[in-house]
Amino acid sequence: MQNELTQRKYTRVMNAVAAGTTDQTSASVNMGSAGGSGGFTRVVFTALFGTLTANQVTSMRAQGSLDDGVVDAFSDLEGTLVGPMADDDDNQIMILEINRPRDEHKFIRVIIDRATANAVIDGVIAEQSNSRQMPVTQDATTVMHAKTVAAPAEGTP
């Protein structure tokens, strides 16, 4: 049976970061690998925020690299800037979807730009989908439990 957990890969690419003004870089996701084979044509980054101090200027942008920055440095990807957050956007989320990244951008990551005043980052999740090969294997280092249930009846969870 096909379901979301066999068609999408979820990865926590940034942990929580305390209030501050320094930019934060996520881990990258490999768009050319779907659990060891195949590849992905879509990734959605979801950034979760906590308290945002007045006058903060917080935004998110994506970068790409052919080899995860080993030789080919990460470069900003055109048109990916999201934000900035408003001062009253405490406890909100920011979402960036990238479809069909170019071959030279096999590895994709995001930068959370924090400027002017403090912003708390609760974390960033990457959801890769449209795999060329399924089922997709979840990353055991960031996904500890995953379960699919079809048409559950009332009763003990």
C-alpha atoms as a PDB file:
ATOM      1  CA  MET A   1       0.000   0.000   0.000  1.00  0.00           C
ATOM      2  CA  GLN A   2       1.361   3.420  -0.967  1.00  0.00           C
ATOM      3  CA  ASN A   3       1.122   6.145   1.679  1.00  0.00           C
ATOM      4  CA  GLU A   4       2.782   9.429   2.561  1.00  0.00           C
ATOM      5  CA  LEU A   5       5.494   7.741   4.640  1.00  0.00           C
ATOM      6  CA  THR A   6       6.612   5.615   1.688  1.00  0.00           C
ATOM      7  CA  GLN A   7       6.437   8.510  -0.792  1.00  0.00           C
ATOM      8  CA  ARG A   8       8.059  11.329   1.188  1.00  0.00           C
ATOM      9  CA  LYS A   9      11.245  11.679   3.184  1.00  0.00           C
ATOM     10  CA  TYR A  10      11.206  13.830   6.321  1.00  0.00           C
ATOM     11  CA  THR A  11      14.439  15.151   7.808  1.00  0.00           C
ATOM     12  CA  ARG A  12      15.077  17.549  10.648  1.00  0.00           C
ATOM     13  CA  VAL A  13      17.738  19.792   9.128  1.00  0.00           C
ATOM     14  CA  MET A  14      18.058  22.336  11.946  1.00  0.00           C
ATOM     15  CA  ASN A  15      17.567  21.996  15.678  1.00  0.00           C
ATOM     16  CA  ALA A  16      16.229  24.726  17.940  1.00  0.00           C
ATOM     17  CA  VAL A  17      18.422  27.817  18.227  1.00  0.00           C
ATOM     18  CA  ALA A  18      18.146  30.293  21.117  1.00  0.00           C
ATOM     19  CA  ALA A  19      17.361  33.955  20.590  1.00  0.00           C
ATOM     20  CA  GLY A  20      20.051  35.721  18.624  1.00  0.00           C
ATOM     21  CA  THR A  21      20.918  37.716  15.536  1.00  0.00           C
ATOM     22  CA  THR A  22      23.454  35.431  13.837  1.00  0.00           C
ATOM     23  CA  ASP A  23      22.446  33.655  10.634  1.00  0.00           C
ATOM     24  CA  GLN A  24      21.870  29.904  10.922  1.00  0.00           C
ATOM     25  CA  THR A  25      22.613  27.308   8.237  1.00  0.00           C
ATOM     26  CA  SER A  26      20.646  24.063   7.995  1.00  0.00           C
ATOM     27  CA  ALA A  27      22.020  20.679   7.092  1.00  0.00           C
ATOM     28  CA  SER A  28      21.582  19.916   3.400  1.00  0.00           C
ATOM     29  CA  VAL A  29      19.326  17.333   1.774  1.00  0.00           C
ATOM     30  CA  ASN A  30      20.458  15.165  -1.115  1.00  0.00           C
ATOM     31  CA  MET A  31      17.934  15.538  -3.936  1.00  0.00           C
ATOM     32  CA  GLY A  32      19.669  12.782  -5.897  1.00  0.00           C
ATOM     33  CA  SER A  33      19.039  10.077  -3.299  1.00  0.00           C
ATOM     34  CA  ALA A  34      15.788   8.465  -2.209  1.00  0.00           C
ATOM     35  CA  GLY A  35      16.810   6.012   0.461  1.00  0.00           C
ATOM     36  CA  GLY A  36      19.857   4.936  -1.473  1.00  0.00           C
ATOM     37  CA  SER A  37      18.481   5.077  -5.025  1.00  0.00           C
ATOM     38  CA  GLY A  38      16.405   7.245  -7.298  1.00  0.00           C
ATOM     39  CA  GLY A  39      16.033  10.911  -6.476  1.00  0.00           C
ATOM     40  CA  PHE A  40      13.592  13.656  -5.536  1.00  0.00           C
ATOM     41  CA  THR A  41      12.153  16.457  -7.633  1.00  0.00           C
ATOM     42  CA  ARG A  42      10.610  18.501  -4.802  1.00  0.00           C
ATOM     43  CA  VAL A  43      11.612  19.694  -1.332  1.00  0.00           C
ATOM     44  CA  VAL A  44       9.655  21.776   1.165  1.00  0.00           C
ATOM     45  CA  PHE A  45      11.506  23.447   4.038  1.00  0.00           C
ATOM     46  CA  THR A  46       9.345  24.369   7.034  1.00  0.00           C
ATOM     47  CA  ALA A  47      10.970  26.704   9.556  1.00  0.00           C
ATOM     48  CA  LEU A  48       9.326  27.060  12.971  1.00  0.00           C
ATOM     49  CA  PHE A  49       9.873  30.204  15.018  1.00  0.00           C
ATOM     50  CA  GLY A  50       9.434  31.163  18.663  1.00  0.00           C
ATOM     51  CA  THR A  51       9.675  34.678  20.078  1.00  0.00           C
ATOM     52  CA  LEU A  52      10.610  37.434  17.648  1.00  0.00           C
ATOM     53  CA  THR A  53      11.882  40.655  19.195  1.00  0.00           C
ATOM     54  CA  ALA A  54      10.540  43.969  17.888  1.00  0.00           C
ATOM     55  CA  ASN A  55      12.497  45.302  14.894  1.00  0.00           C
ATOM     56  CA  GLN A  56      13.878  41.867  13.963  1.00  0.00           C
ATOM     57  CA  VAL A  57      14.351  41.158  10.261  1.00  0.00           C
ATOM     58  CA  THR A  58      14.125  37.373   9.877  1.00  0.00           C
ATOM     59  CA  SER A  59      13.968  35.649   6.496  1.00  0.00           C
ATOM     60  CA  MET A  60      14.879  32.353   4.847  1.00  0.00           C
ATOM     61  CA  ARG A  61      16.652  31.554   1.573  1.00  0.00           C
ATOM     62  CA  ALA A  62      17.913  28.439  -0.149  1.00  0.00           C
ATOM     63  CA  GLN A  63      21.353  27.493  -1.394  1.00  0.00           C
ATOM     64  CA  GLY A  64      22.476  24.675  -3.683  1.00  0.00           C
ATOM     65  CA  SER A  65      25.668  22.745  -4.377  1.00  0.00           C
ATOM     66  CA  LEU A  66      26.638  19.869  -6.654  1.00  0.00           C
ATOM     67  CA  ASP A  67      28.716  18.035  -4.027  1.00  0.00           C
ATOM     68  CA  ASP A  68      27.483  19.264  -0.616  1.00  0.00           C
ATOM     69  CA  GLY A  69      30.086  22.027  -0.537  1.00  0.00           C
ATOM     70  CA  VAL A  70      33.116  19.733  -0.767  1.00  0.00           C
ATOM     71  CA  VAL A  71      34.546  21.370  -3.911  1.00  0.00           C
ATOM     72  CA  ASP A  72      31.505  23.157  -5.323  1.00  0.00           C
ATOM     73  CA  ALA A  73      30.618  25.874  -2.796  1.00  0.00           C
ATOM     74  CA  PHE A  74      26.979  26.487  -1.915  1.00  0.00           C
ATOM     75  CA  SER A  75      25.380  29.318  -3.910  1.00  0.00           C
ATOM     76  CA  ASP A  76      22.196  31.266  -3.244  1.00  0.00           C
ATOM     77  CA  LEU A  77      19.269  30.102  -5.398  1.00  0.00           C
ATOM     78  CA  GLU A  78      17.445  32.841  -7.282  1.00  0.00           C
ATOM     79  CA  GLY A  79      13.938  33.716  -6.141  1.00  0.00           C
ATOM     80  CA  THR A  80      14.033  31.653  -2.929  1.00  0.00           C
ATOM     81  CA  LEU A  81      13.979  34.496  -0.385  1.00  0.00           C
ATOM     82  CA  VAL A  82      10.991  34.195   1.982  1.00  0.00           C
ATOM     83  CA  GLY A  83      10.119  36.898   4.475  1.00  0.00           C
ATOM     84  CA  PRO A  84      10.893  38.932   6.404  1.00  0.00           C
ATOM     85  CA  MET A  85       8.771  37.985   9.384  1.00  0.00           C
ATOM     86  CA  ALA A  86       6.712  40.744  11.005  1.00  0.00           C
ATOM     87  CA  ASP A  87       7.378  41.721  14.613  1.00  0.00           C
ATOM     88  CA  ASP A  88       4.110  40.089  15.736  1.00  0.00           C
ATOM     89  CA  ASP A  89       4.808  36.781  13.917  1.00  0.00           C
ATOM     90  CA  ASP A  90       5.867  35.013  17.143  1.00  0.00           C
ATOM     91  CA  ASN A  91       5.335  31.230  17.071  1.00  0.00           C
ATOM     92  CA  GLN A  92       4.647  31.152  13.336  1.00  0.00           C
ATOM     93  CA  ILE A  93       6.136  29.153  10.473  1.00  0.00           C
ATOM     94  CA  MET A  94       7.820  30.001   7.185  1.00  0.00           C
ATOM     95  CA  ILE A  95       7.641  27.599   4.224  1.00  0.00           C
ATOM     96  CA  LEU A  96       9.784  27.391   1.092  1.00  0.00           C
ATOM     97  CA  GLU A  97       9.037  24.872  -1.681  1.00  0.00           C
ATOM     98  CA  ILE A  98      11.570  24.116  -4.403  1.00  0.00           C
ATOM     99  CA  ASN A  99      10.477  22.104  -7.431  1.00  0.00           C
ATOM    100  CA  ARG A 100      12.836  20.503  -9.933  1.00  0.00           C
ATOM    101  CA  PRO A 101      16.150  21.921  -8.691  1.00  0.00           C
ATOM    102  CA  ARG A 102      18.832  22.051 -11.358  1.00  0.00           C
ATOM    103  CA  ASP A 103      21.300  19.173 -11.677  1.00  0.00           C
ATOM    104  CA  GLU A 104      24.100  21.407 -10.384  1.00  0.00           C
ATOM    105  CA  HIS A 105      22.104  21.857  -7.161  1.00  0.00           C
ATOM    106  CA  LYS A 106      21.896  18.231  -6.042  1.00  0.00           C
ATOM    107  CA  PHE A 107      22.294  19.315  -2.405  1.00  0.00           C
ATOM    108  CA  ILE A 108      19.912  21.954  -1.056  1.00  0.00           C
ATOM    109  CA  ARG A 109      19.981  23.755   2.308  1.00  0.00           C
ATOM    110  CA  VAL A 110      18.413  26.852   3.826  1.00  0.00           C
ATOM    111  CA  ILE A 111      19.843  29.838   5.630  1.00  0.00           C
ATOM    112  CA  ILE A 112      17.785  31.559   8.307  1.00  0.00           C
ATOM    113  CA  ASP A 113      18.849  35.202   8.152  1.00  0.00           C
ATOM    114  CA  ARG A 114      18.401  36.844  11.564  1.00  0.00           C
ATOM    115  CA  ALA A 115      19.229  40.528  11.674  1.00  0.00           C
ATOM    116  CA  THR A 116      18.708  43.630  13.783  1.00  0.00           C
ATOM    117  CA  ALA A 117      17.056  41.965  16.826  1.00  0.00           C
ATOM    118  CA  ASN A 118      16.613  38.530  18.403  1.00  0.00           C
ATOM    119  CA  ALA A 119      14.680  35.705  16.782  1.00  0.00           C
ATOM    120  CA  VAL A 120      14.171  32.227  18.260  1.00  0.00           C
ATOM    121  CA  ILE A 121      14.263  29.293  15.818  1.00  0.00           C
ATOM    122  CA  ASP A 122      12.347  26.218  16.980  1.00  0.00           C
ATOM    123  CA  GLY A 123      13.744  24.078  14.133  1.00  0.00           C
ATOM    124  CA  VAL A 124      13.562  23.376  10.405  1.00  0.00           C
ATOM    125  CA  ILE A 125      12.105  20.265   8.732  1.00  0.00           C
ATOM    126  CA  ALA A 126      12.749  19.234   5.112  1.00  0.00           C
ATOM    127  CA  GLU A 127      10.127  17.171   3.296  1.00  0.00           C
ATOM    128  CA  GLN A 128      11.389  15.628   0.053  1.00  0.00           C
ATOM    129  CA  SER A 129       8.910  14.133  -2.398  1.00  0.00           C
ATOM    130  CA  ASN A 130       8.250  13.087  -5.983  1.00  0.00           C
ATOM    131  CA  SER A 131      10.861  10.374  -5.708  1.00  0.00           C
ATOM    132  CA  ARG A 132      11.937   8.564  -8.831  1.00  0.00           C
ATOM    133  CA  GLN A 133      11.944   5.324  -6.848  1.00  0.00           C
ATOM    134  CA  MET A 134       9.754   4.124  -3.985  1.00  0.00           C
ATOM    135  CA  PRO A 135       9.373   3.216  -1.244  1.00  0.00           C
ATOM    136  CA  VAL A 136      11.343   6.022   0.345  1.00  0.00           C
ATOM    137  CA  THR A 137      13.365   5.169   3.441  1.00  0.00           C
ATOM    138  CA  GLN A 138      13.110   7.610   6.362  1.00  0.00           C
ATOM    139  CA  ASP A 139      16.329   8.922   7.905  1.00  0.00           C
ATOM    140  CA  ALA A 140      16.728   6.959  11.166  1.00  0.00           C
ATOM    141  CA  THR A 141      18.928   9.702  12.629  1.00  0.00           C
ATOM    142  CA  THR A 142      16.083  12.243  12.652  1.00  0.00           C
ATOM    143  CA  VAL A 143      12.837  10.206  12.414  1.00  0.00           C
ATOM    144  CA  MET A 144      12.501   7.939  15.439  1.00  0.00           C
ATOM    145  CA  HIS A 145       8.907   6.775  14.977  1.00  0.00           C
ATOM    146  CA  ALA A 146       6.605   6.793  11.968  1.00  0.00           C
ATOM    147  CA  LYS A 147       3.332   4.961  11.531  1.00  0.00           C
ATOM    148  CA  THR A 148       0.530   4.747   8.992  1.00  0.00           C
ATOM    149  CA  VAL A 149      -2.974   3.684   9.976  1.00  0.00           C
ATOM    150  CA  ALA A 150      -5.841   3.140   7.510  1.00  0.00           C
ATOM    151  CA  ALA A 151      -9.464   3.776   8.522  1.00  0.00           C
ATOM    152  CA  PRO A 152      -8.953   3.433  12.306  1.00  0.00           C
ATOM    153  CA  ALA A 153     -12.024   2.574  14.387  1.00  0.00           C
ATOM    154  CA  GLU A 154     -12.729   3.984  17.847  1.00  0.00           C
ATOM    155  CA  GLY A 155     -10.750   2.272  20.574  1.00  0.00           C
ATOM    156  CA  THR A 156      -7.404   2.107  22.285  1.00  0.00           C
ATOM    157  CA  PRO A 157      -4.757   4.111  20.433  1.00  0.00           C
END
